[in-house]
Amino acid sequence: MLARNIRIEEDLIDQLFNSSEKRLARTLLLLARYGMQDKPARVVPKISQSTLAEMVGTTRSRVNFFLNKFKRLGFIEYNAELPLKINNSLLSVVLRD
């Protein structure tokens, strides 16, 4: 229960102080289990852009824009037919000021 409360507080702080681009990057890293005890799963389960938009608190078109930007910069491997693959370099988006 304590871990759940901590996660809720982190999500609230994230929503208040971070841009939608950073929130999307953080969400993708969490979905890829980045930072967990075991090795990160690099591959994110198939998820729609609309669902990601709801999780991040933005529109589907903004999610699409940022996914294409992350792909162009090499942070993710993204193709409509294949699962989304997360590269460790995506962490730089979250840590950037």
PDB file of N, CA and C in Angstrom:
ATOM      1  N   MET A   1       0.830  -1.183   0.000  1.00  0.00           N
ATOM      2  CA  MET A   1       0.000   0.000   0.000  1.00  0.00           C
ATOM      3  C   MET A   1       0.883   1.258   0.000  1.00  0.00           C
ATOM      4  N   LEU A   2       1.971   1.202   0.730  1.00  0.00           N
ATOM      5  CA  LEU A   2       2.890   2.334   0.775  1.00  0.00           C
ATOM      6  C   LEU A   2       3.496   2.597  -0.601  1.00  0.00           C
ATOM      7  N   ALA A   3       3.886   1.537  -1.303  1.00  0.00           N
ATOM      8  CA  ALA A   3       4.451   1.691  -2.649  1.00  0.00           C
ATOM      9  C   ALA A   3       3.425   2.313  -3.591  1.00  0.00           C
ATOM     10  N   ARG A   4       2.167   1.917  -3.440  1.00  0.00           N
ATOM     11  CA  ARG A   4       1.109   2.477  -4.284  1.00  0.00           C
ATOM     12  C   ARG A   4       0.928   3.968  -4.021  1.00  0.00           C
ATOM     13  N   ASN A   5       0.936   4.372  -2.743  1.00  0.00           N
ATOM     14  CA  ASN A   5       0.805   5.785  -2.397  1.00  0.00           C
ATOM     15  C   ASN A   5       1.978   6.602  -2.923  1.00  0.00           C
ATOM     16  N   ILE A   6       3.171   6.043  -2.839  1.00  0.00           N
ATOM     17  CA  ILE A   6       4.354   6.731  -3.366  1.00  0.00           C
ATOM     18  C   ILE A   6       4.211   6.928  -4.862  1.00  0.00           C
ATOM     19  N   ARG A   7       3.753   5.902  -5.575  1.00  0.00           N
ATOM     20  CA  ARG A   7       3.567   5.984  -7.028  1.00  0.00           C
ATOM     21  C   ARG A   7       2.532   7.047  -7.385  1.00  0.00           C
ATOM     22  N   ILE A   8       1.444   7.119  -6.618  1.00  0.00           N
ATOM     23  CA  ILE A   8       0.401   8.126  -6.868  1.00  0.00           C
ATOM     24  C   ILE A   8       0.966   9.529  -6.663  1.00  0.00           C
ATOM     25  N   GLU A   9       1.758   9.721  -5.613  1.00  0.00           N
ATOM     26  CA  GLU A   9       2.384  11.027  -5.375  1.00  0.00           C
ATOM     27  C   GLU A   9       3.342  11.384  -6.508  1.00  0.00           C
ATOM     28  N   GLU A  10       4.128  10.413  -6.974  1.00  0.00           N
ATOM     29  CA  GLU A  10       5.051  10.666  -8.080  1.00  0.00           C
ATOM     30  C   GLU A  10       4.290  11.056  -9.340  1.00  0.00           C
ATOM     31  N   ASP A  11       3.175  10.370  -9.616  1.00  0.00           N
ATOM     32  CA  ASP A  11       2.359  10.688 -10.789  1.00  0.00           C
ATOM     33  C   ASP A  11       1.774  12.094 -10.695  1.00  0.00           C
ATOM     34  N   LEU A  12       1.326  12.481  -9.520  1.00  0.00           N
ATOM     35  CA  LEU A  12       0.763  13.819  -9.330  1.00  0.00           C
ATOM     36  C   LEU A  12       1.827  14.897  -9.549  1.00  0.00           C
ATOM     37  N   ILE A  13       2.989  14.698  -8.968  1.00  0.00           N
ATOM     38  CA  ILE A  13       4.097  15.651  -9.154  1.00  0.00           C
ATOM     39  C   ILE A  13       4.482  15.718 -10.624  1.00  0.00           C
ATOM     40  N   ASP A  14       4.526  14.565 -11.278  1.00  0.00           N
ATOM     41  CA  ASP A  14       4.851  14.500 -12.705  1.00  0.00           C
ATOM     42  C   ASP A  14       3.839  15.308 -13.516  1.00  0.00           C
ATOM     43  N   GLN A  15       2.556  15.146 -13.212  1.00  0.00           N
ATOM     44  CA  GLN A  15       1.501  15.853 -13.943  1.00  0.00           C
ATOM     45  C   GLN A  15       1.591  17.366 -13.739  1.00  0.00           C
ATOM     46  N   LEU A  16       1.948  17.781 -12.539  1.00  0.00           N
ATOM     47  CA  LEU A  16       1.987  19.210 -12.230  1.00  0.00           C
ATOM     48  C   LEU A  16       3.211  19.929 -12.803  1.00  0.00           C
ATOM     49  N   PHE A  17       4.356  19.265 -12.806  1.00  0.00           N
ATOM     50  CA  PHE A  17       5.597  19.970 -13.088  1.00  0.00           C
ATOM     51  C   PHE A  17       6.299  19.592 -14.392  1.00  0.00           C
ATOM     52  N   ASN A  18       5.883  18.538 -15.054  1.00  0.00           N
ATOM     53  CA  ASN A  18       6.586  18.106 -16.263  1.00  0.00           C
ATOM     54  C   ASN A  18       5.743  18.300 -17.510  1.00  0.00           C
ATOM     55  N   SER A  19       6.419  18.476 -18.628  1.00  0.00           N
ATOM     56  CA  SER A  19       5.744  18.619 -19.914  1.00  0.00           C
ATOM     57  C   SER A  19       5.172  17.275 -20.349  1.00  0.00           C
ATOM     58  N   SER A  20       4.262  17.310 -21.312  1.00  0.00           N
ATOM     59  CA  SER A  20       3.677  16.061 -21.797  1.00  0.00           C
ATOM     60  C   SER A  20       4.738  15.177 -22.453  1.00  0.00           C
ATOM     61  N   GLU A  21       5.772  15.778 -23.027  1.00  0.00           N
ATOM     62  CA  GLU A  21       6.860  15.006 -23.628  1.00  0.00           C
ATOM     63  C   GLU A  21       7.587  14.190 -22.554  1.00  0.00           C
ATOM     64  N   LYS A  22       7.912  14.818 -21.440  1.00  0.00           N
ATOM     65  CA  LYS A  22       8.586  14.111 -20.345  1.00  0.00           C
ATOM     66  C   LYS A  22       7.668  13.069 -19.720  1.00  0.00           C
ATOM     67  N   ARG A  23       6.383  13.395 -19.594  1.00  0.00           N
ATOM     68  CA  ARG A  23       5.443  12.435 -19.012  1.00  0.00           C
ATOM     69  C   ARG A  23       5.318  11.198 -19.890  1.00  0.00           C
ATOM     70  N   LEU A  24       5.302  11.390 -21.213  1.00  0.00           N
ATOM     71  CA  LEU A  24       5.241  10.252 -22.124  1.00  0.00           C
ATOM     72  C   LEU A  24       6.509   9.412 -22.016  1.00  0.00           C
ATOM     73  N   ALA A  25       7.669  10.055 -21.982  1.00  0.00           N
ATOM     74  CA  ALA A  25       8.930   9.324 -21.845  1.00  0.00           C
ATOM     75  C   ALA A  25       8.943   8.525 -20.548  1.00  0.00           C
ATOM     76  N   ARG A  26       8.496   9.139 -19.457  1.00  0.00           N
ATOM     77  CA  ARG A  26       8.461   8.445 -18.163  1.00  0.00           C
ATOM     78  C   ARG A  26       7.507   7.256 -18.212  1.00  0.00           C
ATOM     79  N   THR A  27       6.349   7.435 -18.819  1.00  0.00           N
ATOM     80  CA  THR A  27       5.370   6.360 -18.924  1.00  0.00           C
ATOM     81  C   THR A  27       5.925   5.192 -19.731  1.00  0.00           C
ATOM     82  N   LEU A  28       6.586   5.498 -20.847  1.00  0.00           N
ATOM     83  CA  LEU A  28       7.171   4.433 -21.660  1.00  0.00           C
ATOM     84  C   LEU A  28       8.253   3.679 -20.895  1.00  0.00           C
ATOM     85  N   LEU A  29       9.073   4.411 -20.147  1.00  0.00           N
ATOM     86  CA  LEU A  29      10.112   3.756 -19.342  1.00  0.00           C
ATOM     87  C   LEU A  29       9.493   2.869 -18.258  1.00  0.00           C
ATOM     88  N   LEU A  30       8.417   3.337 -17.639  1.00  0.00           N
ATOM     89  CA  LEU A  30       7.738   2.530 -16.625  1.00  0.00           C
ATOM     90  C   LEU A  30       7.125   1.282 -17.244  1.00  0.00           C
ATOM     91  N   LEU A  31       6.523   1.428 -18.425  1.00  0.00           N
ATOM     92  CA  LEU A  31       5.942   0.271 -19.100  1.00  0.00           C
ATOM     93  C   LEU A  31       7.008  -0.748 -19.497  1.00  0.00           C
ATOM     94  N   ALA A  32       8.214  -0.252 -19.791  1.00  0.00           N
ATOM     95  CA  ALA A  32       9.321  -1.138 -20.156  1.00  0.00           C
ATOM     96  C   ALA A  32      10.053  -1.655 -18.921  1.00  0.00           C
ATOM     97  N   ARG A  33       9.522  -1.334 -17.745  1.00  0.00           N
ATOM     98  CA  ARG A  33      10.077  -1.795 -16.459  1.00  0.00           C
ATOM     99  C   ARG A  33      11.503  -1.299 -16.259  1.00  0.00           C
ATOM    100  N   TYR A  34      11.822  -0.115 -16.787  1.00  0.00           N
ATOM    101  CA  TYR A  34      13.156   0.453 -16.609  1.00  0.00           C
ATOM    102  C   TYR A  34      13.377   0.775 -15.140  1.00  0.00           C
ATOM    103  N   GLY A  35      14.512   0.359 -14.599  1.00  0.00           N
ATOM    104  CA  GLY A  35      14.844   0.636 -13.212  1.00  0.00           C
ATOM    105  C   GLY A  35      14.376  -0.425 -12.240  1.00  0.00           C
ATOM    106  N   MET A  36      13.731  -1.476 -12.736  1.00  0.00           N
ATOM    107  CA  MET A  36      13.301  -2.562 -11.858  1.00  0.00           C
ATOM    108  C   MET A  36      14.501  -3.436 -11.519  1.00  0.00           C
ATOM    109  N   GLN A  37      14.336  -4.301 -10.543  1.00  0.00           N
ATOM    110  CA  GLN A  37      15.414  -5.175 -10.082  1.00  0.00           C
ATOM    111  C   GLN A  37      15.979  -6.021 -11.216  1.00  0.00           C
ATOM    112  N   ASP A  38      15.091  -6.646 -11.972  1.00  0.00           N
ATOM    113  CA  ASP A  38      15.566  -7.469 -13.078  1.00  0.00           C
ATOM    114  C   ASP A  38      15.840  -6.594 -14.300  1.00  0.00           C
ATOM    115  N   LYS A  39      16.299  -7.206 -15.358  1.00  0.00           N
ATOM    116  CA  LYS A  39      16.640  -6.468 -16.577  1.00  0.00           C
ATOM    117  C   LYS A  39      15.373  -5.865 -17.197  1.00  0.00           C
ATOM    118  N   PRO A  40      15.438  -4.604 -17.648  1.00  0.00           N
ATOM    119  CA  PRO A  40      14.273  -3.991 -18.288  1.00  0.00           C
ATOM    120  C   PRO A  40      13.807  -4.804 -19.491  1.00  0.00           C
ATOM    121  N   ALA A  41      12.523  -4.733 -19.768  1.00  0.00           N
ATOM    122  CA  ALA A  41      11.923  -5.526 -20.827  1.00  0.00           C
ATOM    123  C   ALA A  41      11.981  -4.848 -22.182  1.00  0.00           C
ATOM    124  N   ARG A  42      12.704  -3.876 -22.416  1.00  0.00           N
ATOM    125  CA  ARG A  42      12.852  -3.140 -23.670  1.00  0.00           C
ATOM    126  C   ARG A  42      11.622  -3.083 -24.554  1.00  0.00           C
ATOM    127  N   VAL A  43      10.789  -4.112 -24.577  1.00  0.00           N
ATOM    128  CA  VAL A  43       9.608  -4.134 -25.435  1.00  0.00           C
ATOM    129  C   VAL A  43       8.380  -3.811 -24.588  1.00  0.00           C
ATOM    130  N   VAL A  44       7.627  -2.817 -25.052  1.00  0.00           N
ATOM    131  CA  VAL A  44       6.406  -2.394 -24.355  1.00  0.00           C
ATOM    132  C   VAL A  44       5.241  -3.210 -24.914  1.00  0.00           C
ATOM    133  N   PRO A  45       4.371  -3.712 -24.060  1.00  0.00           N
ATOM    134  CA  PRO A  45       3.190  -4.435 -24.561  1.00  0.00           C
ATOM    135  C   PRO A  45       2.414  -3.558 -25.541  1.00  0.00           C
ATOM    136  N   LYS A  46       1.770  -4.181 -26.512  1.00  0.00           N
ATOM    137  CA  LYS A  46       1.025  -3.423 -27.517  1.00  0.00           C
ATOM    138  C   LYS A  46      -0.018  -2.547 -26.827  1.00  0.00           C
ATOM    139  N   ILE A  47       0.065  -1.261 -27.115  1.00  0.00           N
ATOM    140  CA  ILE A  47      -0.805  -0.280 -26.472  1.00  0.00           C
ATOM    141  C   ILE A  47      -1.132   0.803 -27.496  1.00  0.00           C
ATOM    142  N   SER A  48      -2.362   1.265 -27.502  1.00  0.00           N
ATOM    143  CA  SER A  48      -2.760   2.268 -28.486  1.00  0.00           C
ATOM    144  C   SER A  48      -2.283   3.660 -28.070  1.00  0.00           C
ATOM    145  N   GLN A  49      -2.199   4.529 -29.062  1.00  0.00           N
ATOM    146  CA  GLN A  49      -1.813   5.913 -28.781  1.00  0.00           C
ATOM    147  C   GLN A  49      -2.877   6.600 -27.930  1.00  0.00           C
ATOM    148  N   SER A  50      -4.118   6.230 -28.098  1.00  0.00           N
ATOM    149  CA  SER A  50      -5.197   6.809 -27.293  1.00  0.00           C
ATOM    150  C   SER A  50      -5.039   6.432 -25.827  1.00  0.00           C
ATOM    151  N   THR A  51      -4.683   5.180 -25.579  1.00  0.00           N
ATOM    152  CA  THR A  51      -4.468   4.739 -24.202  1.00  0.00           C
ATOM    153  C   THR A  51      -3.272   5.448 -23.591  1.00  0.00           C
ATOM    154  N   LEU A  52      -2.197   5.572 -24.368  1.00  0.00           N
ATOM    155  CA  LEU A  52      -1.026   6.319 -23.884  1.00  0.00           C
ATOM    156  C   LEU A  52      -1.399   7.761 -23.570  1.00  0.00           C
ATOM    157  N   ALA A  53      -2.217   8.365 -24.434  1.00  0.00           N
ATOM    158  CA  ALA A  53      -2.636   9.749 -24.219  1.00  0.00           C
ATOM    159  C   ALA A  53      -3.399   9.890 -22.910  1.00  0.00           C
ATOM    160  N   GLU A  54      -4.271   8.932 -22.614  1.00  0.00           N
ATOM    161  CA  GLU A  54      -5.019   8.967 -21.353  1.00  0.00           C
ATOM    162  C   GLU A  54      -4.075   8.813 -20.162  1.00  0.00           C
ATOM    163  N   MET A  55      -3.086   7.945 -20.287  1.00  0.00           N
ATOM    164  CA  MET A  55      -2.140   7.723 -19.201  1.00  0.00           C
ATOM    165  C   MET A  55      -1.294   8.966 -18.932  1.00  0.00           C
ATOM    166  N   VAL A  56      -0.956   9.681 -20.004  1.00  0.00           N
ATOM    167  CA  VAL A  56      -0.075  10.841 -19.904  1.00  0.00           C
ATOM    168  C   VAL A  56      -0.852  12.116 -19.588  1.00  0.00           C
ATOM    169  N   GLY A  57      -2.113  12.150 -19.971  1.00  0.00           N
ATOM    170  CA  GLY A  57      -2.922  13.348 -19.750  1.00  0.00           C
ATOM    171  C   GLY A  57      -2.771  14.351 -20.866  1.00  0.00           C
ATOM    172  N   THR A  58      -2.755  13.863 -22.093  1.00  0.00           N
ATOM    173  CA  THR A  58      -2.634  14.726 -23.260  1.00  0.00           C
ATOM    174  C   THR A  58      -3.476  14.138 -24.389  1.00  0.00           C
ATOM    175  N   THR A  59      -3.337  14.665 -25.593  1.00  0.00           N
ATOM    176  CA  THR A  59      -4.123  14.178 -26.723  1.00  0.00           C
ATOM    177  C   THR A  59      -3.359  13.115 -27.504  1.00  0.00           C
ATOM    178  N   ARG A  60      -4.119  12.328 -28.280  1.00  0.00           N
ATOM    179  CA  ARG A  60      -3.504  11.303 -29.101  1.00  0.00           C
ATOM    180  C   ARG A  60      -2.565  11.908 -30.131  1.00  0.00           C
ATOM    181  N   SER A  61      -2.918  13.052 -30.677  1.00  0.00           N
ATOM    182  CA  SER A  61      -2.066  13.686 -31.682  1.00  0.00           C
ATOM    183  C   SER A  61      -0.722  14.119 -31.086  1.00  0.00           C
ATOM    184  N   ARG A  62      -0.724  14.573 -29.831  1.00  0.00           N
ATOM    185  CA  ARG A  62       0.546  14.937 -29.168  1.00  0.00           C
ATOM    186  C   ARG A  62       1.394  13.689 -28.924  1.00  0.00           C
ATOM    187  N   VAL A  63       0.748  12.596 -28.514  1.00  0.00           N
ATOM    188  CA  VAL A  63       1.474  11.338 -28.319  1.00  0.00           C
ATOM    189  C   VAL A  63       2.098  10.901 -29.639  1.00  0.00           C
ATOM    190  N   ASN A  64       1.333  10.975 -30.726  1.00  0.00           N
ATOM    191  CA  ASN A  64       1.843  10.614 -32.043  1.00  0.00           C
ATOM    192  C   ASN A  64       3.045  11.480 -32.413  1.00  0.00           C
ATOM    193  N   PHE A  65       2.948  12.776 -32.181  1.00  0.00           N
ATOM    194  CA  PHE A  65       4.039  13.700 -32.472  1.00  0.00           C
ATOM    195  C   PHE A  65       5.302  13.317 -31.695  1.00  0.00           C
ATOM    196  N   PHE A  66       5.152  13.065 -30.393  1.00  0.00           N
ATOM    197  CA  PHE A  66       6.318  12.743 -29.568  1.00  0.00           C
ATOM    198  C   PHE A  66       6.890  11.365 -29.892  1.00  0.00           C
ATOM    199  N   LEU A  67       6.031  10.381 -30.199  1.00  0.00           N
ATOM    200  CA  LEU A  67       6.541   9.064 -30.590  1.00  0.00           C
ATOM    201  C   LEU A  67       7.374   9.169 -31.866  1.00  0.00           C
ATOM    202  N   ASN A  68       6.886   9.947 -32.822  1.00  0.00           N
ATOM    203  CA  ASN A  68       7.660  10.143 -34.054  1.00  0.00           C
ATOM    204  C   ASN A  68       8.967  10.878 -33.779  1.00  0.00           C
ATOM    205  N   LYS A  69       8.945  11.843 -32.877  1.00  0.00           N
ATOM    206  CA  LYS A  69      10.161  12.563 -32.496  1.00  0.00           C
ATOM    207  C   LYS A  69      11.154  11.612 -31.818  1.00  0.00           C
ATOM    208  N   PHE A  70      10.664  10.800 -30.870  1.00  0.00           N
ATOM    209  CA  PHE A  70      11.531   9.835 -30.181  1.00  0.00           C
ATOM    210  C   PHE A  70      12.127   8.842 -31.171  1.00  0.00           C
ATOM    211  N   LYS A  71      11.317   8.432 -32.157  1.00  0.00           N
ATOM    212  CA  LYS A  71      11.805   7.498 -33.180  1.00  0.00           C
ATOM    213  C   LYS A  71      12.904   8.156 -34.018  1.00  0.00           C
ATOM    214  N   ARG A  72      12.672   9.388 -34.440  1.00  0.00           N
ATOM    215  CA  ARG A  72      13.643  10.114 -35.261  1.00  0.00           C
ATOM    216  C   ARG A  72      14.965  10.300 -34.518  1.00  0.00           C
ATOM    217  N   LEU A  73      14.896  10.507 -33.203  1.00  0.00           N
ATOM    218  CA  LEU A  73      16.099  10.714 -32.391  1.00  0.00           C
ATOM    219  C   LEU A  73      16.744   9.396 -31.942  1.00  0.00           C
ATOM    220  N   GLY A  74      16.116   8.264 -32.264  1.00  0.00           N
ATOM    221  CA  GLY A  74      16.686   6.958 -31.929  1.00  0.00           C
ATOM    222  C   GLY A  74      16.407   6.496 -30.511  1.00  0.00           C
ATOM    223  N   PHE A  75      15.469   7.138 -29.818  1.00  0.00           N
ATOM    224  CA  PHE A  75      15.136   6.744 -28.455  1.00  0.00           C
ATOM    225  C   PHE A  75      14.263   5.497 -28.421  1.00  0.00           C
ATOM    226  N   ILE A  76      13.453   5.316 -29.464  1.00  0.00           N
ATOM    227  CA  ILE A  76      12.568   4.156 -29.544  1.00  0.00           C
ATOM    228  C   ILE A  76      12.625   3.582 -30.950  1.00  0.00           C
ATOM    229  N   GLU A  77      12.196   2.325 -31.072  1.00  0.00           N
ATOM    230  CA  GLU A  77      11.980   1.697 -32.367  1.00  0.00           C
ATOM    231  C   GLU A  77      10.474   1.484 -32.455  1.00  0.00           C
ATOM    232  N   TYR A  78       9.862   2.194 -33.390  1.00  0.00           N
ATOM    233  CA  TYR A  78       8.406   2.263 -33.425  1.00  0.00           C
ATOM    234  C   TYR A  78       7.916   1.976 -34.827  1.00  0.00           C
ATOM    235  N   ASN A  79       7.030   0.968 -34.939  1.00  0.00           N
ATOM    236  CA  ASN A  79       6.425   0.606 -36.205  1.00  0.00           C
ATOM    237  C   ASN A  79       5.026   0.101 -35.881  1.00  0.00           C
ATOM    238  N   ALA A  80       4.054   0.449 -36.688  1.00  0.00           N
ATOM    239  CA  ALA A  80       2.662   0.088 -36.395  1.00  0.00           C
ATOM    240  C   ALA A  80       2.457  -1.418 -36.281  1.00  0.00           C
ATOM    241  N   GLU A  81       3.225  -2.213 -37.035  1.00  0.00           N
ATOM    242  CA  GLU A  81       3.046  -3.664 -37.020  1.00  0.00           C
ATOM    243  C   GLU A  81       3.831  -4.348 -35.895  1.00  0.00           C
ATOM    244  N   LEU A  82       4.890  -3.721 -35.394  1.00  0.00           N
ATOM    245  CA  LEU A  82       5.763  -4.341 -34.398  1.00  0.00           C
ATOM    246  C   LEU A  82       5.561  -3.707 -33.029  1.00  0.00           C
ATOM    247  N   PRO A  83       5.901  -4.438 -31.961  1.00  0.00           N
ATOM    248  CA  PRO A  83       5.828  -3.840 -30.621  1.00  0.00           C
ATOM    249  C   PRO A  83       6.828  -2.686 -30.488  1.00  0.00           C
ATOM    250  N   LEU A  84       6.521  -1.787 -29.610  1.00  0.00           N
ATOM    251  CA  LEU A  84       7.360  -0.626 -29.335  1.00  0.00           C
ATOM    252  C   LEU A  84       8.583  -1.061 -28.535  1.00  0.00           C
ATOM    253  N   LYS A  85       9.780  -0.726 -29.013  1.00  0.00           N
ATOM    254  CA  LYS A  85      11.015  -1.056 -28.304  1.00  0.00           C
ATOM    255  C   LYS A  85      11.624   0.221 -27.757  1.00  0.00           C
ATOM    256  N   ILE A  86      12.003   0.177 -26.494  1.00  0.00           N
ATOM    257  CA  ILE A  86      12.542   1.342 -25.797  1.00  0.00           C
ATOM    258  C   ILE A  86      14.049   1.209 -25.682  1.00  0.00           C
ATOM    259  N   ASN A  87      14.776   2.240 -26.078  1.00  0.00           N
ATOM    260  CA  ASN A  87      16.219   2.280 -25.892  1.00  0.00           C
ATOM    261  C   ASN A  87      16.524   3.036 -24.596  1.00  0.00           C
ATOM    262  N   ASN A  88      17.599   2.667 -23.940  1.00  0.00           N
ATOM    263  CA  ASN A  88      17.965   3.302 -22.673  1.00  0.00           C
ATOM    264  C   ASN A  88      18.179   4.804 -22.817  1.00  0.00           C
ATOM    265  N   SER A  89      18.482   5.270 -24.016  1.00  0.00           N
ATOM    266  CA  SER A  89      18.718   6.690 -24.243  1.00  0.00           C
ATOM    267  C   SER A  89      17.466   7.535 -23.997  1.00  0.00           C
ATOM    268  N   LEU A  90      16.281   6.913 -23.961  1.00  0.00           N
ATOM    269  CA  LEU A  90      15.048   7.660 -23.685  1.00  0.00           C
ATOM    270  C   LEU A  90      15.095   8.296 -22.302  1.00  0.00           C
ATOM    271  N   LEU A  91      15.870   7.715 -21.411  1.00  0.00           N
ATOM    272  CA  LEU A  91      16.006   8.264 -20.064  1.00  0.00           C
ATOM    273  C   LEU A  91      16.519   9.704 -20.101  1.00  0.00           C
ATOM    274  N   SER A  92      17.308  10.063 -21.115  1.00  0.00           N
ATOM    275  CA  SER A  92      17.830  11.427 -21.216  1.00  0.00           C
ATOM    276  C   SER A  92      16.722  12.468 -21.361  1.00  0.00           C
ATOM    277  N   VAL A  93      15.588  12.071 -21.952  1.00  0.00           N
ATOM    278  CA  VAL A  93      14.453  12.990 -22.091  1.00  0.00           C
ATOM    279  C   VAL A  93      13.883  13.319 -20.711  1.00  0.00           C
ATOM    280  N   VAL A  94      13.791  12.318 -19.860  1.00  0.00           N
ATOM    281  CA  VAL A  94      13.232  12.511 -18.533  1.00  0.00           C
ATOM    282  C   VAL A  94      14.181  13.324 -17.656  1.00  0.00           C
ATOM    283  N   LEU A  95      15.475  13.101 -17.811  1.00  0.00           N
ATOM    284  CA  LEU A  95      16.446  13.776 -16.961  1.00  0.00           C
ATOM    285  C   LEU A  95      16.817  15.180 -17.438  1.00  0.00           C
ATOM    286  N   ARG A  96      16.465  15.491 -18.677  1.00  0.00           N
ATOM    287  CA  ARG A  96      16.782  16.810 -19.239  1.00  0.00           C
ATOM    288  C   ARG A  96      16.000  17.894 -18.519  1.00  0.00           C
ATOM    289  N   ASP A  97      16.644  19.028 -18.269  1.00  0.00           N
ATOM    290  CA  ASP A  97      15.968  20.154 -17.582  1.00  0.00           C
ATOM    291  C   ASP A  97      15.118  20.933 -18.506  1.00  0.00           C
TER     292      ASP A  97
END
